[in-house]
């Protein structure tokens, strides 16, 4: 089975053409039509770096220590790509990461 997670930062739940015709999001709408769209999804943190850390580690900000932007995930925190790689998946991350020192480090997998 193939798994692709597309995370759009700071996007309201109704800011998708499939949900609200006021928005024009044809590519996201195509993906939503052919995949899974979560209508009742919530973020654990409203700040992009902190929310991304929560998603990748499965921990709350109180556990990652990341409440805002500019702080990296601790090296001992296991991330979702590491778990998937151990199960035989090939993993990749495309886009902004902002959870490491200089921003250009690969995610461990």
N, C-alpha and C. Protein backbone atom coordinates (compact mmCIF):
# COMPACT_ATOMS: atom_id res chain seq x y z
N UNK A 1 0.84 -1.17 0.00
CA UNK A 1 0.00 0.00 0.00
C UNK A 1 0.89 1.25 0.00
N UNK A 2 0.51 2.23 -0.79
CA UNK A 2 1.22 3.50 -0.83
C UNK A 2 0.52 4.50 0.06
N UNK A 3 1.30 5.33 0.74
CA UNK A 3 0.75 6.34 1.64
C UNK A 3 1.38 7.68 1.28
N UNK A 4 0.55 8.68 1.03
CA UNK A 4 1.03 10.03 0.80
C UNK A 4 0.28 10.94 1.74
N UNK A 5 1.01 11.71 2.54
CA UNK A 5 0.40 12.67 3.44
C UNK A 5 0.71 14.06 2.89
N UNK A 6 -0.34 14.82 2.61
CA UNK A 6 -0.17 16.19 2.15
C UNK A 6 -0.68 17.09 3.26
N UNK A 7 0.22 17.87 3.77
CA UNK A 7 -0.10 18.78 4.87
C UNK A 7 0.01 20.20 4.36
N UNK A 8 -1.08 20.93 4.43
CA UNK A 8 -1.05 22.34 4.04
C UNK A 8 -1.11 23.17 5.31
N UNK A 9 -0.09 23.97 5.53
CA UNK A 9 0.01 24.77 6.75
C UNK A 9 -1.06 25.84 6.84
N UNK A 10 -1.61 25.95 8.03
CA UNK A 10 -2.50 27.06 8.39
C UNK A 10 -3.70 27.21 7.44
N UNK A 11 -4.21 26.12 6.95
CA UNK A 11 -5.37 26.16 6.07
C UNK A 11 -6.62 25.81 6.86
N UNK A 12 -7.60 26.69 6.79
CA UNK A 12 -8.87 26.43 7.47
C UNK A 12 -9.52 25.17 6.91
N UNK A 13 -10.33 24.52 7.70
CA UNK A 13 -10.97 23.28 7.27
C UNK A 13 -11.93 23.48 6.10
N UNK A 14 -12.47 24.68 5.94
CA UNK A 14 -13.41 24.91 4.84
C UNK A 14 -12.74 25.59 3.64
N UNK A 15 -11.42 25.76 3.66
CA UNK A 15 -10.71 26.44 2.57
C UNK A 15 -10.28 25.44 1.50
N UNK A 16 -11.25 24.73 0.99
CA UNK A 16 -11.02 23.73 -0.04
C UNK A 16 -12.23 23.75 -0.96
N UNK A 17 -12.00 23.83 -2.26
CA UNK A 17 -13.10 23.93 -3.22
C UNK A 17 -14.11 22.80 -3.10
N UNK A 18 -13.66 21.61 -2.76
CA UNK A 18 -14.57 20.47 -2.60
C UNK A 18 -15.56 20.71 -1.47
N UNK A 19 -15.15 21.49 -0.49
CA UNK A 19 -15.98 21.76 0.69
C UNK A 19 -16.73 23.08 0.54
N UNK A 20 -16.07 24.06 -0.05
CA UNK A 20 -16.63 25.40 -0.17
C UNK A 20 -16.30 25.96 -1.55
N UNK A 21 -17.30 26.10 -2.43
CA UNK A 21 -17.03 26.54 -3.80
C UNK A 21 -16.46 27.96 -3.90
N UNK A 22 -16.41 28.67 -2.79
CA UNK A 22 -15.81 30.00 -2.78
C UNK A 22 -14.30 29.90 -3.06
N UNK A 23 -13.70 28.77 -2.76
CA UNK A 23 -12.27 28.56 -2.94
C UNK A 23 -12.01 27.78 -4.21
N UNK A 24 -10.94 28.12 -4.89
CA UNK A 24 -10.57 27.44 -6.12
C UNK A 24 -9.28 26.66 -5.84
N UNK A 25 -9.43 25.37 -5.62
CA UNK A 25 -8.30 24.50 -5.30
C UNK A 25 -8.40 23.22 -6.13
N UNK A 26 -8.30 23.32 -7.47
CA UNK A 26 -8.57 22.15 -8.32
C UNK A 26 -7.65 20.96 -8.06
N UNK A 27 -6.37 21.19 -7.82
CA UNK A 27 -5.46 20.05 -7.61
C UNK A 27 -5.72 19.36 -6.28
N UNK A 28 -5.95 20.13 -5.23
CA UNK A 28 -6.29 19.51 -3.95
C UNK A 28 -7.64 18.81 -4.02
N UNK A 29 -8.58 19.38 -4.77
CA UNK A 29 -9.89 18.75 -4.94
C UNK A 29 -9.77 17.40 -5.63
N UNK A 30 -8.92 17.32 -6.67
CA UNK A 30 -8.70 16.04 -7.36
C UNK A 30 -8.13 15.00 -6.40
N UNK A 31 -7.16 15.41 -5.60
CA UNK A 31 -6.58 14.49 -4.63
C UNK A 31 -7.62 14.05 -3.60
N UNK A 32 -8.44 14.98 -3.15
CA UNK A 32 -9.48 14.66 -2.16
C UNK A 32 -10.52 13.72 -2.76
N UNK A 33 -10.84 13.88 -4.04
CA UNK A 33 -11.83 13.02 -4.68
C UNK A 33 -11.34 11.59 -4.83
N UNK A 34 -10.03 11.41 -5.03
CA UNK A 34 -9.48 10.08 -5.25
C UNK A 34 -8.83 9.47 -4.01
N UNK A 35 -8.78 10.23 -2.93
CA UNK A 35 -8.13 9.74 -1.72
C UNK A 35 -9.07 9.81 -0.53
N UNK A 36 -8.53 10.18 0.58
CA UNK A 36 -9.29 10.30 1.82
C UNK A 36 -9.24 11.76 2.26
N UNK A 37 -10.39 12.30 2.56
CA UNK A 37 -10.48 13.67 3.06
C UNK A 37 -11.07 13.61 4.46
N UNK A 38 -10.33 14.12 5.42
CA UNK A 38 -10.79 14.11 6.80
C UNK A 38 -11.56 15.40 7.08
N UNK A 39 -12.84 15.27 7.34
CA UNK A 39 -13.67 16.45 7.58
C UNK A 39 -13.59 16.94 9.02
N UNK A 40 -13.21 16.08 9.93
CA UNK A 40 -13.13 16.45 11.35
C UNK A 40 -11.71 16.30 11.86
N UNK A 41 -10.78 16.94 11.20
CA UNK A 41 -9.38 16.88 11.61
C UNK A 41 -9.02 18.18 12.33
N UNK A 42 -8.20 18.05 13.32
CA UNK A 42 -7.78 19.21 14.10
C UNK A 42 -6.28 19.19 14.26
N UNK A 43 -5.71 20.35 14.48
CA UNK A 43 -4.27 20.43 14.72
C UNK A 43 -4.01 20.48 16.22
N UNK A 44 -2.88 19.96 16.60
CA UNK A 44 -2.52 19.97 18.01
C UNK A 44 -1.89 21.30 18.40
N UNK A 45 -1.52 22.10 17.41
CA UNK A 45 -0.88 23.38 17.67
C UNK A 45 -1.10 24.29 16.47
N UNK A 46 -1.45 25.56 16.67
CA UNK A 46 -1.73 26.44 15.54
C UNK A 46 -0.48 27.01 14.85
N UNK A 47 0.70 26.70 15.34
CA UNK A 47 1.94 27.20 14.76
C UNK A 47 2.53 26.10 13.88
N UNK A 48 2.97 26.45 12.66
CA UNK A 48 3.33 25.41 11.69
C UNK A 48 4.44 24.48 12.15
N UNK A 49 5.54 24.98 12.68
CA UNK A 49 6.63 24.10 13.10
C UNK A 49 6.20 23.19 14.25
N UNK A 50 5.52 23.74 15.21
CA UNK A 50 5.06 22.94 16.35
C UNK A 50 4.05 21.88 15.91
N UNK A 51 3.14 22.24 15.01
CA UNK A 51 2.15 21.28 14.51
C UNK A 51 2.84 20.16 13.72
N UNK A 52 3.83 20.52 12.93
CA UNK A 52 4.57 19.53 12.14
C UNK A 52 5.33 18.57 13.06
N UNK A 53 5.91 19.09 14.13
CA UNK A 53 6.62 18.24 15.08
C UNK A 53 5.65 17.25 15.73
N UNK A 54 4.46 17.71 16.07
CA UNK A 54 3.46 16.83 16.67
C UNK A 54 3.05 15.73 15.70
N UNK A 55 2.83 16.09 14.44
CA UNK A 55 2.43 15.12 13.43
C UNK A 55 3.52 14.07 13.21
N UNK A 56 4.76 14.51 13.12
CA UNK A 56 5.86 13.58 12.82
C UNK A 56 6.25 12.70 13.99
N UNK A 57 6.03 13.17 15.22
CA UNK A 57 6.44 12.38 16.39
C UNK A 57 5.27 11.69 17.09
N UNK A 58 4.06 12.15 16.84
CA UNK A 58 2.91 11.59 17.54
C UNK A 58 2.80 12.08 18.97
N UNK A 59 3.49 13.16 19.28
CA UNK A 59 3.50 13.71 20.63
C UNK A 59 2.90 15.11 20.65
N UNK A 60 2.41 15.52 21.80
CA UNK A 60 1.95 16.89 21.99
C UNK A 60 3.15 17.82 22.14
N UNK A 61 2.90 19.12 21.97
CA UNK A 61 3.96 20.11 22.14
C UNK A 61 4.59 20.04 23.53
N UNK A 62 3.78 19.72 24.52
CA UNK A 62 4.32 19.60 25.89
C UNK A 62 5.34 18.47 25.99
N UNK A 63 5.26 17.51 25.07
CA UNK A 63 6.21 16.40 25.07
C UNK A 63 7.41 16.65 24.14
N UNK A 64 7.18 17.37 23.04
CA UNK A 64 8.29 17.67 22.12
C UNK A 64 9.10 18.87 22.57
N UNK A 65 8.45 19.76 23.36
CA UNK A 65 9.11 20.99 23.78
C UNK A 65 9.09 22.06 22.71
N UNK A 66 8.35 21.83 21.63
CA UNK A 66 8.28 22.79 20.53
C UNK A 66 6.91 23.46 20.56
N UNK A 67 6.92 24.74 20.86
CA UNK A 67 5.67 25.51 20.95
C UNK A 67 5.58 26.58 19.86
N UNK A 68 6.69 26.87 19.22
CA UNK A 68 6.72 27.91 18.19
C UNK A 68 7.65 27.49 17.07
N UNK A 69 8.00 28.45 16.23
CA UNK A 69 8.89 28.18 15.11
C UNK A 69 10.34 28.33 15.54
N UNK A 70 11.24 27.67 14.83
CA UNK A 70 12.66 27.87 15.05
C UNK A 70 13.35 26.87 15.96
N UNK A 71 12.64 25.86 16.43
CA UNK A 71 13.26 24.86 17.29
C UNK A 71 13.15 23.50 16.62
N UNK A 72 14.19 22.68 16.73
CA UNK A 72 14.19 21.39 16.07
C UNK A 72 13.73 20.25 16.94
N UNK A 73 13.37 19.17 16.29
CA UNK A 73 12.99 17.94 17.00
C UNK A 73 14.24 17.36 17.64
N UNK A 74 14.12 16.89 18.85
CA UNK A 74 15.25 16.26 19.54
C UNK A 74 15.67 15.00 18.79
N UNK A 75 16.97 14.74 18.70
CA UNK A 75 17.45 13.56 17.96
C UNK A 75 16.89 12.24 18.50
N UNK A 76 16.54 12.18 19.79
CA UNK A 76 16.03 10.93 20.35
C UNK A 76 14.53 10.74 20.14
N UNK A 77 13.84 11.74 19.59
CA UNK A 77 12.42 11.60 19.28
C UNK A 77 12.25 10.82 17.98
N UNK A 78 11.59 9.70 18.04
CA UNK A 78 11.37 8.87 16.85
C UNK A 78 10.29 9.54 16.00
N UNK A 79 10.54 9.60 14.69
CA UNK A 79 9.60 10.25 13.78
C UNK A 79 8.90 9.20 12.91
N UNK A 80 7.72 9.56 12.43
CA UNK A 80 6.90 8.68 11.61
C UNK A 80 7.67 8.06 10.44
N UNK A 81 8.49 8.83 9.69
CA UNK A 81 9.23 8.19 8.60
C UNK A 81 10.18 7.08 9.07
N UNK A 82 10.72 7.21 10.26
CA UNK A 82 11.59 6.16 10.79
C UNK A 82 10.80 4.87 11.04
N UNK A 83 9.62 5.02 11.60
CA UNK A 83 8.77 3.86 11.87
C UNK A 83 8.34 3.19 10.57
N UNK A 84 7.97 4.01 9.59
CA UNK A 84 7.54 3.46 8.30
C UNK A 84 8.71 2.77 7.59
N UNK A 85 9.90 3.35 7.66
CA UNK A 85 11.07 2.75 7.02
C UNK A 85 11.38 1.38 7.62
N UNK A 86 11.22 1.25 8.94
CA UNK A 86 11.46 -0.05 9.60
C UNK A 86 10.45 -1.10 9.16
N UNK A 87 9.29 -0.63 8.65
CA UNK A 87 8.26 -1.55 8.17
C UNK A 87 8.38 -1.81 6.67
N UNK A 88 9.47 -1.30 6.07
CA UNK A 88 9.71 -1.58 4.65
C UNK A 88 9.29 -0.50 3.69
N UNK A 89 8.74 0.60 4.18
CA UNK A 89 8.34 1.69 3.30
C UNK A 89 9.55 2.53 2.93
N UNK A 90 9.54 3.07 1.73
CA UNK A 90 10.51 4.08 1.33
C UNK A 90 9.86 5.42 1.66
N UNK A 91 10.60 6.29 2.31
CA UNK A 91 10.01 7.55 2.74
C UNK A 91 10.74 8.73 2.13
N UNK A 92 10.02 9.82 1.99
CA UNK A 92 10.59 11.08 1.49
C UNK A 92 9.77 12.22 2.08
N UNK A 93 10.39 13.36 2.11
CA UNK A 93 9.71 14.57 2.59
C UNK A 93 10.02 15.66 1.59
N UNK A 94 8.99 16.30 1.08
CA UNK A 94 9.15 17.39 0.12
C UNK A 94 8.49 18.62 0.70
N UNK A 95 9.18 19.73 0.69
CA UNK A 95 8.62 20.97 1.20
C UNK A 95 9.40 21.49 2.38
N UNK A 96 8.81 22.43 3.07
CA UNK A 96 9.54 23.00 4.20
C UNK A 96 9.50 22.05 5.38
N UNK A 97 10.59 22.02 6.10
CA UNK A 97 10.72 21.13 7.24
C UNK A 97 10.82 21.96 8.52
N UNK A 98 11.76 22.86 8.57
CA UNK A 98 11.92 23.82 9.68
C UNK A 98 12.01 23.15 11.05
N UNK A 99 12.45 21.92 11.10
CA UNK A 99 12.57 21.24 12.38
C UNK A 99 14.00 20.81 12.67
N UNK A 100 14.93 21.30 11.89
CA UNK A 100 16.33 20.98 12.10
C UNK A 100 17.13 22.26 12.19
N UNK A 101 18.43 22.13 12.37
CA UNK A 101 19.29 23.29 12.55
C UNK A 101 19.24 24.29 11.42
N UNK A 102 19.77 23.92 10.23
CA UNK A 102 19.85 24.86 9.12
C UNK A 102 18.71 24.75 8.14
N UNK A 103 17.86 23.78 8.30
CA UNK A 103 16.71 23.65 7.41
C UNK A 103 16.96 22.80 6.19
N UNK A 104 18.19 22.32 5.96
CA UNK A 104 18.47 21.52 4.77
C UNK A 104 18.85 20.08 5.10
N UNK A 105 18.69 19.70 6.36
CA UNK A 105 19.06 18.34 6.75
C UNK A 105 17.95 17.38 6.35
N UNK A 106 18.33 16.19 5.88
CA UNK A 106 17.30 15.19 5.55
C UNK A 106 16.67 14.64 6.83
N UNK A 107 15.44 14.20 6.71
CA UNK A 107 14.78 13.53 7.83
C UNK A 107 15.39 12.15 7.96
N UNK A 108 15.73 11.73 9.17
CA UNK A 108 16.26 10.38 9.31
C UNK A 108 15.21 9.35 8.92
N UNK A 109 15.62 8.38 8.13
CA UNK A 109 14.67 7.34 7.72
C UNK A 109 15.38 6.00 7.61
